[in-house]
Amino acid sequence: MAGECVWRHGFGIASRLSRAASRAYRADAMTGGTTIAGQIERLIVRLDGAGVCEGCVTDRLGLSIPAQADVVTRALGGTRGFERTRDICTLCGNGRTVTRHRAK
């Protein structure tokens, strides 16, 4: 249905994504496009296995809405070599949930 929303649950927080936004993210992830999701994915891959927190992703890419990094990193976790764990962020040095990419 048009305009219907999808609820995603993780880490005790529910985030709401429209079906169109969810499809757009998946399409961008597959093509490596220039959307925000594609920029976030490329940043994490460029860090070559180093973990980065959502705050640093937001700062490095100059995102106006911090929740954008949250939605994208949650979607990446557990797919195509991306993982989310509690660790020290490589960029800021704080203990947080970080996302990293491990080449296969």
PDB file of N, CA and C in Angstrom:
ATOM      1  N   MET A   1       0.831  -1.191   0.000  1.00  0.00           N
ATOM      2  CA  MET A   1       0.000   0.000   0.000  1.00  0.00           C
ATOM      3  C   MET A   1       0.869   1.246   0.000  1.00  0.00           C
ATOM      4  N   ALA A   2       0.490   2.220  -0.759  1.00  0.00           N
ATOM      5  CA  ALA A   2       1.242   3.465  -0.833  1.00  0.00           C
ATOM      6  C   ALA A   2       1.190   4.176   0.505  1.00  0.00           C
ATOM      7  N   GLY A   3       2.318   4.680   0.946  1.00  0.00           N
ATOM      8  CA  GLY A   3       2.384   5.439   2.182  1.00  0.00           C
ATOM      9  C   GLY A   3       2.441   4.584   3.432  1.00  0.00           C
ATOM     10  N   GLU A   4       2.343   3.268   3.300  1.00  0.00           N
ATOM     11  CA  GLU A   4       2.392   2.392   4.455  1.00  0.00           C
ATOM     12  C   GLU A   4       3.804   2.426   5.039  1.00  0.00           C
ATOM     13  N   CYS A   5       3.907   2.305   6.339  1.00  0.00           N
ATOM     14  CA  CYS A   5       5.205   2.385   7.001  1.00  0.00           C
ATOM     15  C   CYS A   5       5.640   1.023   7.503  1.00  0.00           C
ATOM     16  N   VAL A   6       6.925   0.862   7.629  1.00  0.00           N
ATOM     17  CA  VAL A   6       7.521  -0.351   8.153  1.00  0.00           C
ATOM     18  C   VAL A   6       8.194   0.013   9.470  1.00  0.00           C
ATOM     19  N   TRP A   7       7.929  -0.764  10.493  1.00  0.00           N
ATOM     20  CA  TRP A   7       8.596  -0.543  11.779  1.00  0.00           C
ATOM     21  C   TRP A   7       9.756  -1.503  11.878  1.00  0.00           C
ATOM     22  N   ARG A   8      10.918  -0.979  12.181  1.00  0.00           N
ATOM     23  CA  ARG A   8      12.097  -1.816  12.400  1.00  0.00           C
ATOM     24  C   ARG A   8      12.479  -1.695  13.857  1.00  0.00           C
ATOM     25  N   HIS A   9      12.762  -2.814  14.474  1.00  0.00           N
ATOM     26  CA  HIS A   9      13.113  -2.810  15.889  1.00  0.00           C
ATOM     27  C   HIS A   9      14.563  -3.251  16.045  1.00  0.00           C
ATOM     28  N   GLY A  10      15.261  -2.623  16.933  1.00  0.00           N
ATOM     29  CA  GLY A  10      16.639  -2.999  17.211  1.00  0.00           C
ATOM     30  C   GLY A  10      17.167  -2.190  18.370  1.00  0.00           C
ATOM     31  N   PHE A  11      17.894  -2.825  19.238  1.00  0.00           N
ATOM     32  CA  PHE A  11      18.515  -2.182  20.382  1.00  0.00           C
ATOM     33  C   PHE A  11      17.490  -1.420  21.224  1.00  0.00           C
ATOM     34  N   GLY A  12      16.252  -1.937  21.313  1.00  0.00           N
ATOM     35  CA  GLY A  12      15.230  -1.320  22.140  1.00  0.00           C
ATOM     36  C   GLY A  12      14.605  -0.070  21.553  1.00  0.00           C
ATOM     37  N   ILE A  13      14.930   0.258  20.318  1.00  0.00           N
ATOM     38  CA  ILE A  13      14.400   1.466  19.683  1.00  0.00           C
ATOM     39  C   ILE A  13      13.668   1.057  18.414  1.00  0.00           C
ATOM     40  N   ALA A  14      12.482   1.585  18.231  1.00  0.00           N
ATOM     41  CA  ALA A  14      11.746   1.315  16.990  1.00  0.00           C
ATOM     42  C   ALA A  14      11.889   2.533  16.099  1.00  0.00           C
ATOM     43  N   SER A  15      12.255   2.321  14.860  1.00  0.00           N
ATOM     44  CA  SER A  15      12.338   3.434  13.922  1.00  0.00           C
ATOM     45  C   SER A  15      11.363   3.173  12.788  1.00  0.00           C
ATOM     46  N   ARG A  16      10.817   4.230  12.266  1.00  0.00           N
ATOM     47  CA  ARG A  16       9.774   4.125  11.258  1.00  0.00           C
ATOM     48  C   ARG A  16      10.332   4.528   9.904  1.00  0.00           C
ATOM     49  N   LEU A  17      10.233   3.625   8.964  1.00  0.00           N
ATOM     50  CA  LEU A  17      10.680   3.895   7.599  1.00  0.00           C
ATOM     51  C   LEU A  17       9.507   3.683   6.661  1.00  0.00           C
ATOM     52  N   SER A  18       9.333   4.579   5.732  1.00  0.00           N
ATOM     53  CA  SER A  18       8.304   4.330   4.727  1.00  0.00           C
ATOM     54  C   SER A  18       8.795   3.201   3.827  1.00  0.00           C
ATOM     55  N   ARG A  19       7.892   2.500   3.229  1.00  0.00           N
ATOM     56  CA  ARG A  19       8.294   1.423   2.319  1.00  0.00           C
ATOM     57  C   ARG A  19       9.141   1.976   1.176  1.00  0.00           C
ATOM     58  N   ALA A  20       8.802   3.169   0.706  1.00  0.00           N
ATOM     59  CA  ALA A  20       9.572   3.785  -0.390  1.00  0.00           C
ATOM     60  C   ALA A  20      11.000   4.055   0.062  1.00  0.00           C
ATOM     61  N   ALA A  21      11.181   4.568   1.286  1.00  0.00           N
ATOM     62  CA  ALA A  21      12.531   4.843   1.796  1.00  0.00           C
ATOM     63  C   ALA A  21      13.308   3.548   1.964  1.00  0.00           C
ATOM     64  N   SER A  22      12.637   2.517   2.444  1.00  0.00           N
ATOM     65  CA  SER A  22      13.294   1.231   2.612  1.00  0.00           C
ATOM     66  C   SER A  22      13.741   0.666   1.264  1.00  0.00           C
ATOM     67  N   ARG A  23      12.879   0.746   0.252  1.00  0.00           N
ATOM     68  CA  ARG A  23      13.246   0.276  -1.094  1.00  0.00           C
ATOM     69  C   ARG A  23      14.379   1.110  -1.673  1.00  0.00           C
ATOM     70  N   ALA A  24      14.327   2.425  -1.452  1.00  0.00           N
ATOM     71  CA  ALA A  24      15.371   3.312  -1.978  1.00  0.00           C
ATOM     72  C   ALA A  24      16.710   2.968  -1.364  1.00  0.00           C
ATOM     73  N   TYR A  25      16.725   2.677  -0.046  1.00  0.00           N
ATOM     74  CA  TYR A  25      17.981   2.301   0.596  1.00  0.00           C
ATOM     75  C   TYR A  25      18.515   1.015  -0.025  1.00  0.00           C
ATOM     76  N   ARG A  26      17.669   0.001  -0.158  1.00  0.00           N
ATOM     77  CA  ARG A  26      18.127  -1.278  -0.715  1.00  0.00           C
ATOM     78  C   ARG A  26      18.646  -1.100  -2.130  1.00  0.00           C
ATOM     79  N   ALA A  27      17.971  -0.316  -2.938  1.00  0.00           N
ATOM     80  CA  ALA A  27      18.407  -0.090  -4.317  1.00  0.00           C
ATOM     81  C   ALA A  27      19.747   0.628  -4.333  1.00  0.00           C
ATOM     82  N   ASP A  28      19.903   1.631  -3.480  1.00  0.00           N
ATOM     83  CA  ASP A  28      21.150   2.370  -3.424  1.00  0.00           C
ATOM     84  C   ASP A  28      22.288   1.479  -2.937  1.00  0.00           C
ATOM     85  N   ALA A  29      22.023   0.647  -1.955  1.00  0.00           N
ATOM     86  CA  ALA A  29      23.063  -0.223  -1.419  1.00  0.00           C
ATOM     87  C   ALA A  29      23.557  -1.187  -2.495  1.00  0.00           C
ATOM     88  N   MET A  30      22.672  -1.591  -3.356  1.00  0.00           N
ATOM     89  CA  MET A  30      23.064  -2.523  -4.401  1.00  0.00           C
ATOM     90  C   MET A  30      23.828  -1.839  -5.526  1.00  0.00           C
ATOM     91  N   THR A  31      23.576  -0.564  -5.754  1.00  0.00           N
ATOM     92  CA  THR A  31      24.212   0.116  -6.877  1.00  0.00           C
ATOM     93  C   THR A  31      25.344   1.046  -6.454  1.00  0.00           C
ATOM     94  N   GLY A  32      25.492   1.300  -5.119  1.00  0.00           N
ATOM     95  CA  GLY A  32      26.539   2.208  -4.662  1.00  0.00           C
ATOM     96  C   GLY A  32      26.283   3.630  -5.114  1.00  0.00           C
ATOM     97  N   GLY A  33      25.014   4.043  -5.160  1.00  0.00           N
ATOM     98  CA  GLY A  33      24.632   5.370  -5.648  1.00  0.00           C
ATOM     99  C   GLY A  33      25.146   6.500  -4.785  1.00  0.00           C
ATOM    100  N   THR A  34      24.755   7.707  -5.119  1.00  0.00           N
ATOM    101  CA  THR A  34      25.263   8.882  -4.429  1.00  0.00           C
ATOM    102  C   THR A  34      24.297   9.415  -3.379  1.00  0.00           C
ATOM    103  N   THR A  35      23.326   8.621  -2.980  1.00  0.00           N
ATOM    104  CA  THR A  35      22.419   9.049  -1.924  1.00  0.00           C
ATOM    105  C   THR A  35      23.161   9.016  -0.591  1.00  0.00           C
ATOM    106  N   ILE A  36      22.498   9.476   0.447  1.00  0.00           N
ATOM    107  CA  ILE A  36      23.109   9.472   1.778  1.00  0.00           C
ATOM    108  C   ILE A  36      23.495   8.052   2.182  1.00  0.00           C
ATOM    109  N   ALA A  37      22.632   7.085   1.909  1.00  0.00           N
ATOM    110  CA  ALA A  37      22.955   5.692   2.241  1.00  0.00           C
ATOM    111  C   ALA A  37      24.223   5.243   1.538  1.00  0.00           C
ATOM    112  N   GLY A  38      24.371   5.593   0.276  1.00  0.00           N
ATOM    113  CA  GLY A  38      25.581   5.230  -0.466  1.00  0.00           C
ATOM    114  C   GLY A  38      26.817   5.897   0.088  1.00  0.00           C
ATOM    115  N   GLN A  39      26.694   7.158   0.501  1.00  0.00           N
ATOM    116  CA  GLN A  39      27.831   7.880   1.082  1.00  0.00           C
ATOM    117  C   GLN A  39      28.251   7.241   2.407  1.00  0.00           C
ATOM    118  N   ILE A  40      27.284   6.859   3.225  1.00  0.00           N
ATOM    119  CA  ILE A  40      27.582   6.229   4.512  1.00  0.00           C
ATOM    120  C   ILE A  40      28.266   4.889   4.289  1.00  0.00           C
ATOM    121  N   GLU A  41      27.737   4.110   3.374  1.00  0.00           N
ATOM    122  CA  GLU A  41      28.320   2.803   3.075  1.00  0.00           C
ATOM    123  C   GLU A  41      29.766   2.945   2.604  1.00  0.00           C
ATOM    124  N   ARG A  42      30.007   3.879   1.692  1.00  0.00           N
ATOM    125  CA  ARG A  42      31.376   4.080   1.183  1.00  0.00           C
ATOM    126  C   ARG A  42      32.328   4.550   2.281  1.00  0.00           C
ATOM    127  N   LEU A  43      31.866   5.417   3.173  1.00  0.00           N
ATOM    128  CA  LEU A  43      32.719   5.871   4.279  1.00  0.00           C
ATOM    129  C   LEU A  43      33.148   4.699   5.145  1.00  0.00           C
ATOM    130  N   ILE A  44      32.204   3.842   5.501  1.00  0.00           N
ATOM    131  CA  ILE A  44      32.516   2.695   6.361  1.00  0.00           C
ATOM    132  C   ILE A  44      33.466   1.730   5.656  1.00  0.00           C
ATOM    133  N   VAL A  45      33.254   1.489   4.380  1.00  0.00           N
ATOM    134  CA  VAL A  45      34.128   0.597   3.617  1.00  0.00           C
ATOM    135  C   VAL A  45      35.544   1.180   3.534  1.00  0.00           C
ATOM    136  N   ARG A  46      35.648   2.504   3.309  1.00  0.00           N
ATOM    137  CA  ARG A  46      36.966   3.161   3.216  1.00  0.00           C
ATOM    138  C   ARG A  46      37.765   3.036   4.507  1.00  0.00           C
ATOM    139  N   LEU A  47      37.089   2.880   5.647  1.00  0.00           N
ATOM    140  CA  LEU A  47      37.792   2.760   6.927  1.00  0.00           C
ATOM    141  C   LEU A  47      38.436   1.385   7.102  1.00  0.00           C
ATOM    142  N   ASP A  48      38.228   0.496   6.157  1.00  0.00           N
ATOM    143  CA  ASP A  48      38.944  -0.777   6.051  1.00  0.00           C
ATOM    144  C   ASP A  48      38.938  -1.589   7.351  1.00  0.00           C
ATOM    145  N   GLY A  49      37.745  -1.841   7.887  1.00  0.00           N
ATOM    146  CA  GLY A  49      37.619  -2.688   9.067  1.00  0.00           C
ATOM    147  C   GLY A  49      37.596  -1.942  10.387  1.00  0.00           C
ATOM    148  N   ALA A  50      37.889  -0.660  10.379  1.00  0.00           N
ATOM    149  CA  ALA A  50      37.849   0.135  11.607  1.00  0.00           C
ATOM    150  C   ALA A  50      36.398   0.498  11.910  1.00  0.00           C
ATOM    151  N   GLY A  51      36.017   0.427  13.185  1.00  0.00           N
ATOM    152  CA  GLY A  51      34.645   0.729  13.580  1.00  0.00           C
ATOM    153  C   GLY A  51      34.420   2.221  13.718  1.00  0.00           C
ATOM    154  N   VAL A  52      33.243   2.685  13.303  1.00  0.00           N
ATOM    155  CA  VAL A  52      32.902   4.097  13.385  1.00  0.00           C
ATOM    156  C   VAL A  52      31.494   4.232  13.968  1.00  0.00           C
ATOM    157  N   CYS A  53      31.305   5.184  14.888  1.00  0.00           N
ATOM    158  CA  CYS A  53      29.994   5.397  15.503  1.00  0.00           C
ATOM    159  C   CYS A  53      29.122   6.284  14.607  1.00  0.00           C
ATOM    160  N   GLU A  54      27.833   6.283  14.897  1.00  0.00           N
ATOM    161  CA  GLU A  54      26.890   7.071  14.102  1.00  0.00           C
ATOM    162  C   GLU A  54      27.161   8.566  14.204  1.00  0.00           C
ATOM    163  N   GLY A  55      27.607   9.017  15.373  1.00  0.00           N
ATOM    164  CA  GLY A  55      27.922  10.435  15.542  1.00  0.00           C
ATOM    165  C   GLY A  55      29.041  10.885  14.617  1.00  0.00           C
ATOM    166  N   CYS A  56      30.067  10.058  14.500  1.00  0.00           N
ATOM    167  CA  CYS A  56      31.182  10.406  13.617  1.00  0.00           C
ATOM    168  C   CYS A  56      30.784  10.316  12.154  1.00  0.00           C
ATOM    169  N   VAL A  57      29.930   9.355  11.813  1.00  0.00           N
ATOM    170  CA  VAL A  57      29.423   9.277  10.440  1.00  0.00           C
ATOM    171  C   VAL A  57      28.676  10.566  10.111  1.00  0.00           C
ATOM    172  N   THR A  58      27.818  10.994  11.046  1.00  0.00           N
ATOM    173  CA  THR A  58      27.042  12.223  10.864  1.00  0.00           C
ATOM    174  C   THR A  58      27.966  13.421  10.676  1.00  0.00           C
ATOM    175  N   ASP A  59      28.985  13.544  11.534  1.00  0.00           N
ATOM    176  CA  ASP A  59      29.930  14.668  11.447  1.00  0.00           C
ATOM    177  C   ASP A  59      30.742  14.639  10.160  1.00  0.00           C
ATOM    178  N   ARG A  60      31.304  13.488   9.824  1.00  0.00           N
ATOM    179  CA  ARG A  60      32.190  13.382   8.650  1.00  0.00           C
ATOM    180  C   ARG A  60      31.471  13.684   7.346  1.00  0.00           C
ATOM    181  N   LEU A  61      30.187  13.294   7.285  1.00  0.00           N
ATOM    182  CA  LEU A  61      29.440  13.504   6.036  1.00  0.00           C
ATOM    183  C   LEU A  61      28.602  14.774   6.072  1.00  0.00           C
ATOM    184  N   GLY A  62      28.612  15.486   7.191  1.00  0.00           N
ATOM    185  CA  GLY A  62      27.863  16.730   7.292  1.00  0.00           C
ATOM    186  C   GLY A  62      26.357  16.517   7.171  1.00  0.00           C
ATOM    187  N   LEU A  63      25.861  15.420   7.747  1.00  0.00           N
ATOM    188  CA  LEU A  63      24.429  15.133   7.664  1.00  0.00           C
ATOM    189  C   LEU A  63      23.649  16.091   8.554  1.00  0.00           C
ATOM    190  N   SER A  64      22.508  16.546   8.071  1.00  0.00           N
ATOM    191  CA  SER A  64      21.703  17.490   8.846  1.00  0.00           C
ATOM    192  C   SER A  64      20.801  16.781   9.844  1.00  0.00           C
ATOM    193  N   ILE A  65      20.530  15.503   9.622  1.00  0.00           N
ATOM    194  CA  ILE A  65      19.661  14.740  10.511  1.00  0.00           C
ATOM    195  C   ILE A  65      20.439  13.512  10.997  1.00  0.00           C
ATOM    196  N   PRO A  66      20.870  13.508  12.272  1.00  0.00           N
ATOM    197  CA  PRO A  66      21.660  12.385  12.792  1.00  0.00           C
ATOM    198  C   PRO A  66      20.975  11.030  12.657  1.00  0.00           C
ATOM    199  N   ALA A  67      19.653  10.990  12.671  1.00  0.00           N
ATOM    200  CA  ALA A  67      18.941   9.717  12.563  1.00  0.00           C
ATOM    201  C   ALA A  67      19.184   9.029  11.223  1.00  0.00           C
ATOM    202  N   GLN A  68      19.629   9.779  10.218  1.00  0.00           N
ATOM    203  CA  GLN A  68      19.923   9.171   8.914  1.00  0.00           C
ATOM    204  C   GLN A  68      21.024   8.127   9.060  1.00  0.00           C
ATOM    205  N   ALA A  69      22.066   8.455   9.808  1.00  0.00           N
ATOM    206  CA  ALA A  69      23.158   7.506  10.009  1.00  0.00           C
ATOM    207  C   ALA A  69      22.667   6.293  10.782  1.00  0.00           C
ATOM    208  N   ASP A  70      21.798   6.506  11.752  1.00  0.00           N
ATOM    209  CA  ASP A  70      21.252   5.412  12.553  1.00  0.00           C
ATOM    210  C   ASP A  70      20.487   4.423  11.675  1.00  0.00           C
ATOM    211  N   VAL A  71      19.599   4.915  10.847  1.00  0.00           N
ATOM    212  CA  VAL A  71      18.782   4.054   9.995  1.00  0.00           C
ATOM    213  C   VAL A  71      19.659   3.254   9.032  1.00  0.00           C
ATOM    214  N   VAL A  72      20.613   3.906   8.428  1.00  0.00           N
ATOM    215  CA  VAL A  72      21.449   3.235   7.429  1.00  0.00           C
ATOM    216  C   VAL A  72      22.379   2.215   8.082  1.00  0.00           C
ATOM    217  N   THR A  73      23.039   2.569   9.186  1.00  0.00           N
ATOM    218  CA  THR A  73      23.974   1.629   9.815  1.00  0.00           C
ATOM    219  C   THR A  73      23.243   0.420  10.385  1.00  0.00           C
ATOM    220  N   ARG A  74      22.030   0.619  10.895  1.00  0.00           N
ATOM    221  CA  ARG A  74      21.245  -0.530  11.373  1.00  0.00           C
ATOM    222  C   ARG A  74      20.900  -1.458  10.215  1.00  0.00           C
ATOM    223  N   ALA A  75      20.550  -0.882   9.080  1.00  0.00           N
ATOM    224  CA  ALA A  75      20.203  -1.698   7.915  1.00  0.00           C
ATOM    225  C   ALA A  75      21.426  -2.440   7.371  1.00  0.00           C
ATOM    226  N   LEU A  76      22.595  -1.828   7.450  1.00  0.00           N
ATOM    227  CA  LEU A  76      23.818  -2.462   6.948  1.00  0.00           C
ATOM    228  C   LEU A  76      24.271  -3.612   7.837  1.00  0.00           C
ATOM    229  N   GLY A  77      24.075  -3.488   9.149  1.00  0.00           N
ATOM    230  CA  GLY A  77      24.561  -4.489  10.102  1.00  0.00           C
ATOM    231  C   GLY A  77      24.112  -5.899   9.739  1.00  0.00           C
ATOM    232  N   GLY A  78      25.067  -6.800   9.650  1.00  0.00           N
ATOM    233  CA  GLY A  78      24.756  -8.189   9.339  1.00  0.00           C
ATOM    234  C   GLY A  78      24.601  -8.499   7.864  1.00  0.00           C
ATOM    235  N   THR A  79      24.883  -7.530   7.003  1.00  0.00           N
ATOM    236  CA  THR A  79      24.755  -7.769   5.567  1.00  0.00           C
ATOM    237  C   THR A  79      26.086  -7.504   4.869  1.00  0.00           C
ATOM    238  N   ARG A  80      26.384  -8.278   3.882  1.00  0.00           N
ATOM    239  CA  ARG A  80      27.523  -8.053   2.972  1.00  0.00           C
ATOM    240  C   ARG A  80      28.823  -7.649   3.654  1.00  0.00           C
ATOM    241  N   GLY A  81      29.145  -8.255   4.787  1.00  0.00           N
ATOM    242  CA  GLY A  81      30.406  -7.962   5.469  1.00  0.00           C
ATOM    243  C   GLY A  81      30.339  -6.823   6.470  1.00  0.00           C
ATOM    244  N   PHE A  82      29.190  -6.193   6.656  1.00  0.00           N
ATOM    245  CA  PHE A  82      29.034  -5.119   7.634  1.00  0.00           C
ATOM    246  C   PHE A  82      28.591  -5.720   8.962  1.00  0.00           C
ATOM    247  N   GLU A  83      29.114  -5.182  10.044  1.00  0.00           N
ATOM    248  CA  GLU A  83      28.695  -5.640  11.372  1.00  0.00           C
ATOM    249  C   GLU A  83      28.615  -4.461  12.326  1.00  0.00           C
ATOM    250  N   ARG A  84      27.720  -4.585  13.297  1.00  0.00           N
ATOM    251  CA  ARG A  84      27.559  -3.564  14.342  1.00  0.00           C
ATOM    252  C   ARG A  84      27.874  -4.221  15.682  1.00  0.00           C
ATOM    253  N   THR A  85      28.784  -3.608  16.427  1.00  0.00           N
ATOM    254  CA  THR A  85      29.152  -4.127  17.736  1.00  0.00           C
ATOM    255  C   THR A  85      29.420  -2.972  18.692  1.00  0.00           C
ATOM    256  N   ARG A  86      29.445  -3.288  19.961  1.00  0.00           N
ATOM    257  CA  ARG A  86      29.815  -2.303  20.976  1.00  0.00           C
ATOM    258  C   ARG A  86      31.344  -2.319  21.037  1.00  0.00           C
ATOM    259  N   ASP A  87      31.968  -1.181  20.761  1.00  0.00           N
ATOM    260  CA  ASP A  87      33.430  -1.113  20.687  1.00  0.00           C
ATOM    261  C   ASP A  87      33.857   0.348  20.789  1.00  0.00           C
ATOM    262  N   ILE A  88      35.120   0.607  20.624  1.00  0.00           N
ATOM    263  CA  ILE A  88      35.659   1.971  20.623  1.00  0.00           C
ATOM    264  C   ILE A  88      35.617   2.503  19.193  1.00  0.00           C
ATOM    265  N   CYS A  89      35.039   3.702  19.021  1.00  0.00           N
ATOM    266  CA  CYS A  89      35.009   4.326  17.698  1.00  0.00           C
ATOM    267  C   CYS A  89      36.431   4.745  17.325  1.00  0.00           C
ATOM    268  N   THR A  90      36.846   4.394  16.141  1.00  0.00           N
ATOM    269  CA  THR A  90      38.181   4.725  15.653  1.00  0.00           C
ATOM    270  C   THR A  90      38.399   6.228  15.536  1.00  0.00           C
ATOM    271  N   LEU A  91      37.351   6.964  15.201  1.00  0.00           N
ATOM    272  CA  LEU A  91      37.506   8.394  14.944  1.00  0.00           C
ATOM    273  C   LEU A  91      37.440   9.261  16.199  1.00  0.00           C
ATOM    274  N   CYS A  92      36.522   8.950  17.128  1.00  0.00           N
ATOM    275  CA  CYS A  92      36.383   9.810  18.317  1.00  0.00           C
ATOM    276  C   CYS A  92      36.942   9.184  19.591  1.00  0.00           C
ATOM    277  N   GLY A  93      37.177   7.875  19.577  1.00  0.00           N
ATOM    278  CA  GLY A  93      37.750   7.196  20.733  1.00  0.00           C
ATOM    279  C   GLY A  93      36.767   6.872  21.844  1.00  0.00           C
ATOM    280  N   ASN A  94      35.482   7.100  21.627  1.00  0.00           N
ATOM    281  CA  ASN A  94      34.468   6.808  22.643  1.00  0.00           C
ATOM    282  C   ASN A  94      33.922   5.397  22.471  1.00  0.00           C
ATOM    283  N   GLY A  95      33.547   4.782  23.596  1.00  0.00           N
ATOM    284  CA  GLY A  95      32.919   3.471  23.568  1.00  0.00           C
ATOM    285  C   GLY A  95      31.467   3.620  23.152  1.00  0.00           C
ATOM    286  N   ARG A  96      31.123   3.089  22.000  1.00  0.00           N
ATOM    287  CA  ARG A  96      29.773   3.224  21.443  1.00  0.00           C
ATOM    288  C   ARG A  96      29.470   2.011  20.568  1.00  0.00           C
ATOM    289  N   THR A  97      28.269   1.975  20.043  1.00  0.00           N
ATOM    290  CA  THR A  97      27.962   0.982  19.011  1.00  0.00           C
ATOM    291  C   THR A  97      28.598   1.494  17.722  1.00  0.00           C
ATOM    292  N   VAL A  98      29.429   0.662  17.126  1.00  0.00           N
ATOM    293  CA  VAL A  98      30.137   1.053  15.910  1.00  0.00           C
ATOM    294  C   VAL A  98      29.760   0.103  14.778  1.00  0.00           C
ATOM    295  N   THR A  99      29.931   0.593  13.568  1.00  0.00           N
ATOM    296  CA  THR A  99      29.704  -0.226  12.381  1.00  0.00           C
ATOM    297  C   THR A  99      31.031  -0.341  11.654  1.00  0.00           C
ATOM    298  N   ARG A 100      31.333  -1.537  11.186  1.00  0.00           N
ATOM    299  CA  ARG A 100      32.578  -1.758  10.425  1.00  0.00           C
ATOM    300  C   ARG A 100      32.278  -2.681   9.254  1.00  0.00           C
ATOM    301  N   HIS A 101      33.181  -2.673   8.296  1.00  0.00           N
ATOM    302  CA  HIS A 101      33.066  -3.571   7.155  1.00  0.00           C
ATOM    303  C   HIS A 101      34.297  -4.445   7.124  1.00  0.00           C
ATOM    304  N   ARG A 102      34.049  -5.720   7.050  1.00  0.00           N
ATOM    305  CA  ARG A 102      35.150  -6.687   6.954  1.00  0.00           C
ATOM    306  C   ARG A 102      35.108  -7.308   5.565  1.00  0.00           C
ATOM    307  N   ALA A 103      36.159  -7.079   4.813  1.00  0.00           N
ATOM    308  CA  ALA A 103      36.235  -7.639   3.464  1.00  0.00           C
ATOM    309  C   ALA A 103      36.281  -9.155   3.563  1.00  0.00           C
ATOM    310  N   LYS A 104      35.580  -9.793   2.667  1.00  0.00           N
ATOM    311  CA  LYS A 104      35.525 -11.265   2.707  1.00  0.00           C
ATOM    312  C   LYS A 104      36.649 -11.876   1.919  1.00  0.00           C
TER     313      LYS A 104
END
